[in-house]
Amino acid sequence: MNNTVFGISVDCTDAAAVAQFWGAVLGRQVADGATWENAVLPAEDQANGGPRLAFHRVPEAKVVKNRLHLDLVSDSFESEAERLTSLGAEKIRDVQSGDARWTTFADIEGNEFDLIAG
C-alpha cells in the first residue's frame, strides 16, 4: 500500500470566510470558485506554502478543542502575533516551556492553532 497526504480539510460554517482568513495568515490565494460551502487554498509550493487546505461547510458548530491543529513558526513572533490578532484571530494562551515559546490562537470560527517562536 502506498498513501500520500493530499491535504488537510477544515470543517466550518462559512468556508469562503475561513479560507480568506487562512489565505491572509499564510499569504496564499483562495482558489477560484470559493463558496460558503467549499473553498480551497491550493498547494502551489509545498516547500514554502504548505499543504493544500480545503474548507467545507458542516451543519454543526465547533464544540470542543480540535484534535488536530496547525503549527506556524515565525522569527518575528511578537509582530506576527499582533498581525494574526488584526486578522481576527483570538489569543487563547501563552506557553513557555524551557526554551520553547508559543501562543495558541483561535481562528475566526474558533479552530485552534499555534504560533511558535522560531
N, C-alpha and C. Protein backbone atom coordinates (compact mmCIF):
# COMPACT_ATOMS: atom_id res chain seq x y z
N MET A 1 0.85 -1.17 0.00
CA MET A 1 0.00 0.00 0.00
C MET A 1 0.90 1.24 0.00
N ASN A 2 0.49 2.25 -0.76
CA ASN A 2 1.24 3.48 -0.84
C ASN A 2 0.27 4.65 -0.75
N ASN A 3 0.31 5.40 0.37
CA ASN A 3 -0.58 6.54 0.57
C ASN A 3 0.22 7.83 0.58
N THR A 4 -0.40 8.89 0.14
CA THR A 4 0.19 10.21 0.15
C THR A 4 -0.83 11.18 0.72
N VAL A 5 -0.38 12.11 1.56
CA VAL A 5 -1.28 13.11 2.09
C VAL A 5 -1.62 14.09 0.96
N PHE A 6 -2.89 14.22 0.67
CA PHE A 6 -3.38 15.12 -0.37
C PHE A 6 -3.52 16.54 0.17
N GLY A 7 -3.95 16.65 1.42
CA GLY A 7 -4.15 17.96 2.02
C GLY A 7 -4.83 17.82 3.36
N ILE A 8 -5.20 18.95 3.92
CA ILE A 8 -5.88 19.00 5.21
C ILE A 8 -7.24 19.65 4.99
N SER A 9 -8.28 19.04 5.56
CA SER A 9 -9.64 19.59 5.45
C SER A 9 -10.06 20.17 6.79
N VAL A 10 -10.73 21.32 6.72
CA VAL A 10 -11.20 22.01 7.91
C VAL A 10 -12.71 22.14 7.82
N ASP A 11 -13.42 21.65 8.84
CA ASP A 11 -14.86 21.84 8.92
C ASP A 11 -15.15 23.25 9.42
N CYS A 12 -16.18 23.87 8.87
CA CYS A 12 -16.51 25.24 9.25
C CYS A 12 -17.96 25.54 8.87
N THR A 13 -18.43 26.73 9.23
CA THR A 13 -19.78 27.11 8.85
C THR A 13 -19.80 28.04 7.64
N ASP A 14 -18.68 28.75 7.38
CA ASP A 14 -18.58 29.62 6.20
C ASP A 14 -17.21 29.38 5.56
N ALA A 15 -17.16 28.46 4.61
CA ALA A 15 -15.90 28.04 4.01
C ALA A 15 -15.13 29.19 3.37
N ALA A 16 -15.82 30.05 2.64
CA ALA A 16 -15.13 31.16 1.96
C ALA A 16 -14.50 32.11 2.96
N ALA A 17 -15.20 32.44 4.04
CA ALA A 17 -14.67 33.37 5.04
C ALA A 17 -13.46 32.77 5.76
N VAL A 18 -13.54 31.50 6.13
CA VAL A 18 -12.42 30.87 6.82
C VAL A 18 -11.22 30.71 5.88
N ALA A 19 -11.48 30.39 4.62
CA ALA A 19 -10.39 30.30 3.63
C ALA A 19 -9.73 31.66 3.44
N GLN A 20 -10.53 32.74 3.39
CA GLN A 20 -9.96 34.09 3.27
C GLN A 20 -9.06 34.40 4.46
N PHE A 21 -9.50 34.05 5.67
CA PHE A 21 -8.69 34.26 6.88
C PHE A 21 -7.36 33.54 6.75
N TRP A 22 -7.41 32.23 6.43
CA TRP A 22 -6.18 31.44 6.34
C TRP A 22 -5.32 31.87 5.16
N GLY A 23 -5.93 32.32 4.08
CA GLY A 23 -5.15 32.85 2.96
C GLY A 23 -4.35 34.07 3.40
N ALA A 24 -4.98 34.97 4.17
CA ALA A 24 -4.28 36.15 4.69
C ALA A 24 -3.19 35.75 5.67
N VAL A 25 -3.47 34.79 6.55
CA VAL A 25 -2.47 34.33 7.52
C VAL A 25 -1.24 33.77 6.81
N LEU A 26 -1.46 32.96 5.77
CA LEU A 26 -0.37 32.24 5.11
C LEU A 26 0.17 32.92 3.86
N GLY A 27 -0.45 34.04 3.46
CA GLY A 27 0.00 34.72 2.25
C GLY A 27 -0.27 33.92 1.00
N ARG A 28 -1.41 33.23 0.99
CA ARG A 28 -1.80 32.40 -0.15
C ARG A 28 -3.14 32.86 -0.68
N GLN A 29 -3.40 32.54 -1.95
CA GLN A 29 -4.64 32.94 -2.61
C GLN A 29 -5.68 31.82 -2.52
N VAL A 30 -6.92 32.20 -2.27
CA VAL A 30 -8.03 31.26 -2.31
C VAL A 30 -8.30 30.93 -3.77
N ALA A 31 -8.49 29.65 -4.08
CA ALA A 31 -8.76 29.23 -5.46
C ALA A 31 -10.09 29.79 -5.94
N ASP A 32 -10.18 30.03 -7.23
CA ASP A 32 -11.43 30.49 -7.84
C ASP A 32 -12.56 29.51 -7.52
N GLY A 33 -13.76 30.05 -7.41
CA GLY A 33 -14.93 29.21 -7.19
C GLY A 33 -15.29 29.01 -5.72
N ALA A 34 -14.62 29.71 -4.81
CA ALA A 34 -14.92 29.55 -3.38
C ALA A 34 -16.35 29.98 -3.08
N THR A 35 -17.02 29.19 -2.25
CA THR A 35 -18.38 29.49 -1.80
C THR A 35 -18.43 29.32 -0.29
N TRP A 36 -19.57 29.63 0.30
CA TRP A 36 -19.73 29.42 1.74
C TRP A 36 -19.72 27.94 2.09
N GLU A 37 -19.89 27.07 1.07
CA GLU A 37 -19.90 25.62 1.31
C GLU A 37 -18.53 24.97 1.14
N ASN A 38 -17.73 25.43 0.16
CA ASN A 38 -16.43 24.82 -0.12
C ASN A 38 -15.45 25.88 -0.62
N ALA A 39 -14.22 25.81 -0.13
CA ALA A 39 -13.16 26.71 -0.59
C ALA A 39 -11.82 26.00 -0.40
N VAL A 40 -10.83 26.40 -1.20
CA VAL A 40 -9.53 25.73 -1.18
C VAL A 40 -8.39 26.74 -1.25
N LEU A 41 -7.33 26.47 -0.48
CA LEU A 41 -6.03 27.12 -0.66
C LEU A 41 -5.14 26.07 -1.29
N PRO A 42 -4.87 26.17 -2.61
CA PRO A 42 -4.08 25.14 -3.28
C PRO A 42 -2.65 25.09 -2.75
N ALA A 43 -2.02 23.96 -2.95
CA ALA A 43 -0.61 23.75 -2.56
C ALA A 43 0.26 24.04 -3.77
N GLU A 44 0.45 25.31 -4.07
CA GLU A 44 1.24 25.68 -5.24
C GLU A 44 2.72 25.43 -5.02
N ASP A 45 3.21 25.68 -3.82
CA ASP A 45 4.62 25.49 -3.50
C ASP A 45 4.69 24.93 -2.09
N GLN A 46 4.67 23.61 -1.96
CA GLN A 46 4.62 23.00 -0.64
C GLN A 46 5.83 23.33 0.23
N ALA A 47 6.98 23.59 -0.38
CA ALA A 47 8.17 23.92 0.40
C ALA A 47 7.97 25.23 1.16
N ASN A 48 7.26 26.17 0.57
CA ASN A 48 7.04 27.47 1.21
C ASN A 48 5.63 27.66 1.71
N GLY A 49 4.65 27.08 1.03
CA GLY A 49 3.26 27.37 1.35
C GLY A 49 2.54 26.30 2.13
N GLY A 50 3.11 25.12 2.23
CA GLY A 50 2.46 24.06 2.96
C GLY A 50 1.49 23.28 2.11
N PRO A 51 0.73 22.40 2.73
CA PRO A 51 -0.18 21.52 2.01
C PRO A 51 -1.44 22.24 1.53
N ARG A 52 -2.18 21.57 0.66
CA ARG A 52 -3.49 22.04 0.22
C ARG A 52 -4.39 22.09 1.45
N LEU A 53 -5.10 23.20 1.62
CA LEU A 53 -6.06 23.33 2.71
C LEU A 53 -7.44 23.48 2.09
N ALA A 54 -8.35 22.61 2.48
CA ALA A 54 -9.72 22.65 1.99
C ALA A 54 -10.65 22.98 3.15
N PHE A 55 -11.65 23.78 2.88
CA PHE A 55 -12.61 24.21 3.89
C PHE A 55 -13.99 23.78 3.44
N HIS A 56 -14.71 23.09 4.32
CA HIS A 56 -16.01 22.51 3.97
C HIS A 56 -17.05 22.89 5.02
N ARG A 57 -18.18 23.35 4.53
CA ARG A 57 -19.29 23.68 5.43
C ARG A 57 -19.87 22.40 6.02
N VAL A 58 -20.08 22.44 7.34
CA VAL A 58 -20.76 21.36 8.04
C VAL A 58 -21.90 21.98 8.84
N PRO A 59 -22.95 21.23 9.12
CA PRO A 59 -24.12 21.82 9.78
C PRO A 59 -23.91 22.12 11.26
N GLU A 60 -23.01 21.41 11.92
CA GLU A 60 -22.83 21.60 13.35
C GLU A 60 -21.70 22.59 13.63
N ALA A 61 -21.84 23.34 14.72
CA ALA A 61 -20.81 24.28 15.14
C ALA A 61 -19.71 23.55 15.90
N LYS A 62 -18.54 24.18 15.98
CA LYS A 62 -17.44 23.63 16.76
C LYS A 62 -17.84 23.67 18.23
N VAL A 63 -17.56 22.57 18.96
CA VAL A 63 -17.98 22.49 20.35
C VAL A 63 -16.79 22.31 21.29
N VAL A 64 -15.83 21.49 20.93
CA VAL A 64 -14.70 21.19 21.82
C VAL A 64 -13.38 21.49 21.13
N LYS A 65 -12.29 21.31 21.86
CA LYS A 65 -10.96 21.55 21.34
C LYS A 65 -10.67 20.67 20.13
N ASN A 66 -9.92 21.23 19.17
CA ASN A 66 -9.50 20.47 17.98
C ASN A 66 -8.68 19.25 18.39
N ARG A 67 -8.79 18.17 17.66
CA ARG A 67 -7.90 17.02 17.83
C ARG A 67 -6.68 17.15 16.94
N LEU A 68 -6.72 18.04 15.97
CA LEU A 68 -5.63 18.30 15.03
C LEU A 68 -5.58 19.81 14.84
N HIS A 69 -4.36 20.37 14.83
CA HIS A 69 -4.25 21.80 14.60
C HIS A 69 -2.99 22.12 13.82
N LEU A 70 -2.93 23.32 13.26
CA LEU A 70 -1.76 23.78 12.52
C LEU A 70 -0.79 24.46 13.47
N ASP A 71 0.52 24.24 13.26
CA ASP A 71 1.58 24.93 13.97
C ASP A 71 2.29 25.84 12.98
N LEU A 72 2.33 27.13 13.26
CA LEU A 72 3.04 28.11 12.44
C LEU A 72 4.30 28.52 13.20
N VAL A 73 5.40 28.75 12.50
CA VAL A 73 6.65 29.20 13.12
C VAL A 73 6.99 30.56 12.56
N SER A 74 7.40 31.47 13.44
CA SER A 74 7.76 32.82 13.00
C SER A 74 9.02 33.30 13.71
N ASP A 75 9.91 33.93 12.93
CA ASP A 75 11.11 34.52 13.53
C ASP A 75 10.84 35.95 14.00
N SER A 76 9.64 36.46 13.73
CA SER A 76 9.21 37.77 14.25
C SER A 76 7.92 37.54 15.05
N PHE A 77 8.05 36.80 16.12
CA PHE A 77 6.94 36.29 16.91
C PHE A 77 5.97 37.38 17.36
N GLU A 78 6.48 38.43 17.99
CA GLU A 78 5.61 39.47 18.55
C GLU A 78 4.79 40.17 17.46
N SER A 79 5.47 40.59 16.39
CA SER A 79 4.74 41.30 15.33
C SER A 79 3.78 40.37 14.60
N GLU A 80 4.13 39.09 14.45
CA GLU A 80 3.22 38.14 13.80
C GLU A 80 2.00 37.89 14.68
N ALA A 81 2.19 37.81 15.99
CA ALA A 81 1.06 37.63 16.90
C ALA A 81 0.10 38.81 16.78
N GLU A 82 0.63 40.03 16.68
CA GLU A 82 -0.21 41.21 16.50
C GLU A 82 -0.94 41.16 15.16
N ARG A 83 -0.24 40.73 14.10
CA ARG A 83 -0.87 40.64 12.78
C ARG A 83 -2.01 39.63 12.79
N LEU A 84 -1.79 38.48 13.41
CA LEU A 84 -2.84 37.46 13.48
C LEU A 84 -4.07 38.00 14.19
N THR A 85 -3.85 38.72 15.28
CA THR A 85 -4.97 39.31 16.02
C THR A 85 -5.70 40.34 15.14
N SER A 86 -4.95 41.12 14.36
CA SER A 86 -5.59 42.12 13.50
C SER A 86 -6.41 41.46 12.39
N LEU A 87 -6.07 40.22 12.02
CA LEU A 87 -6.83 39.49 11.00
C LEU A 87 -8.09 38.83 11.57
N GLY A 88 -8.22 38.84 12.90
CA GLY A 88 -9.41 38.26 13.52
C GLY A 88 -9.14 37.08 14.42
N ALA A 89 -7.87 36.66 14.55
CA ALA A 89 -7.55 35.55 15.45
C ALA A 89 -7.71 36.01 16.89
N GLU A 90 -8.06 35.08 17.76
CA GLU A 90 -8.21 35.36 19.18
C GLU A 90 -7.11 34.62 19.94
N LYS A 91 -6.38 35.36 20.78
CA LYS A 91 -5.33 34.74 21.59
C LYS A 91 -5.98 33.95 22.71
N ILE A 92 -5.60 32.67 22.84
CA ILE A 92 -6.17 31.81 23.88
C ILE A 92 -5.22 31.66 25.07
N ARG A 93 -3.94 31.36 24.78
CA ARG A 93 -2.98 31.20 25.87
C ARG A 93 -1.56 31.34 25.37
N ASP A 94 -0.68 31.82 26.25
CA ASP A 94 0.76 31.86 26.00
C ASP A 94 1.41 30.74 26.78
N VAL A 95 2.40 30.06 26.16
CA VAL A 95 3.07 28.95 26.81
C VAL A 95 4.58 29.14 26.70
N GLN A 96 5.27 28.91 27.81
CA GLN A 96 6.73 28.91 27.85
C GLN A 96 7.14 27.60 28.50
N SER A 97 7.94 26.80 27.79
CA SER A 97 8.40 25.52 28.31
C SER A 97 9.87 25.38 27.97
N GLY A 98 10.72 25.63 28.96
CA GLY A 98 12.16 25.63 28.69
C GLY A 98 12.48 26.75 27.71
N ASP A 99 13.15 26.40 26.62
CA ASP A 99 13.48 27.38 25.58
C ASP A 99 12.35 27.57 24.56
N ALA A 100 11.34 26.72 24.63
CA ALA A 100 10.24 26.80 23.67
C ALA A 100 9.19 27.81 24.13
N ARG A 101 8.67 28.55 23.15
CA ARG A 101 7.62 29.54 23.43
C ARG A 101 6.61 29.50 22.30
N TRP A 102 5.32 29.49 22.65
CA TRP A 102 4.28 29.56 21.63
C TRP A 102 3.02 30.17 22.22
N THR A 103 2.17 30.62 21.32
CA THR A 103 0.85 31.14 21.69
C THR A 103 -0.19 30.35 20.92
N THR A 104 -1.21 29.93 21.62
CA THR A 104 -2.35 29.26 20.99
C THR A 104 -3.39 30.33 20.67
N PHE A 105 -3.85 30.31 19.42
CA PHE A 105 -4.87 31.22 18.93
C PHE A 105 -6.08 30.41 18.48
N ALA A 106 -7.19 31.10 18.26
CA ALA A 106 -8.36 30.53 17.59
C ALA A 106 -8.61 31.36 16.34
N ASP A 107 -8.94 30.68 15.23
CA ASP A 107 -9.27 31.41 14.00
C ASP A 107 -10.67 32.02 14.13
N ILE A 108 -11.19 32.56 13.05
CA ILE A 108 -12.46 33.29 13.12
C ILE A 108 -13.67 32.42 13.43
N GLU A 109 -13.50 31.08 13.39
CA GLU A 109 -14.59 30.18 13.78
C GLU A 109 -14.23 29.33 14.99
N GLY A 110 -13.12 29.69 15.67
CA GLY A 110 -12.77 29.00 16.91
C GLY A 110 -11.81 27.84 16.78
N ASN A 111 -11.32 27.55 15.56
CA ASN A 111 -10.36 26.46 15.39
C ASN A 111 -9.00 26.88 15.91
N GLU A 112 -8.43 26.09 16.84
CA GLU A 112 -7.16 26.44 17.45
C GLU A 112 -5.99 26.21 16.50
N PHE A 113 -4.95 27.05 16.66
CA PHE A 113 -3.67 26.86 16.00
C PHE A 113 -2.61 27.52 16.87
N ASP A 114 -1.35 27.13 16.67
CA ASP A 114 -0.26 27.67 17.47
C ASP A 114 0.69 28.49 16.62
N LEU A 115 1.18 29.56 17.21
CA LEU A 115 2.27 30.35 16.64
C LEU A 115 3.48 30.09 17.54
N ILE A 116 4.54 29.54 16.94
CA ILE A 116 5.74 29.16 17.68
C ILE A 116 6.84 30.17 17.39
N ALA A 117 7.52 30.60 18.45
CA ALA A 117 8.67 31.50 18.28
C ALA A 117 9.81 30.70 17.67
N GLY A 118 10.31 31.17 16.53
CA GLY A 118 11.38 30.44 15.85
C GLY A 118 12.46 31.35 15.48
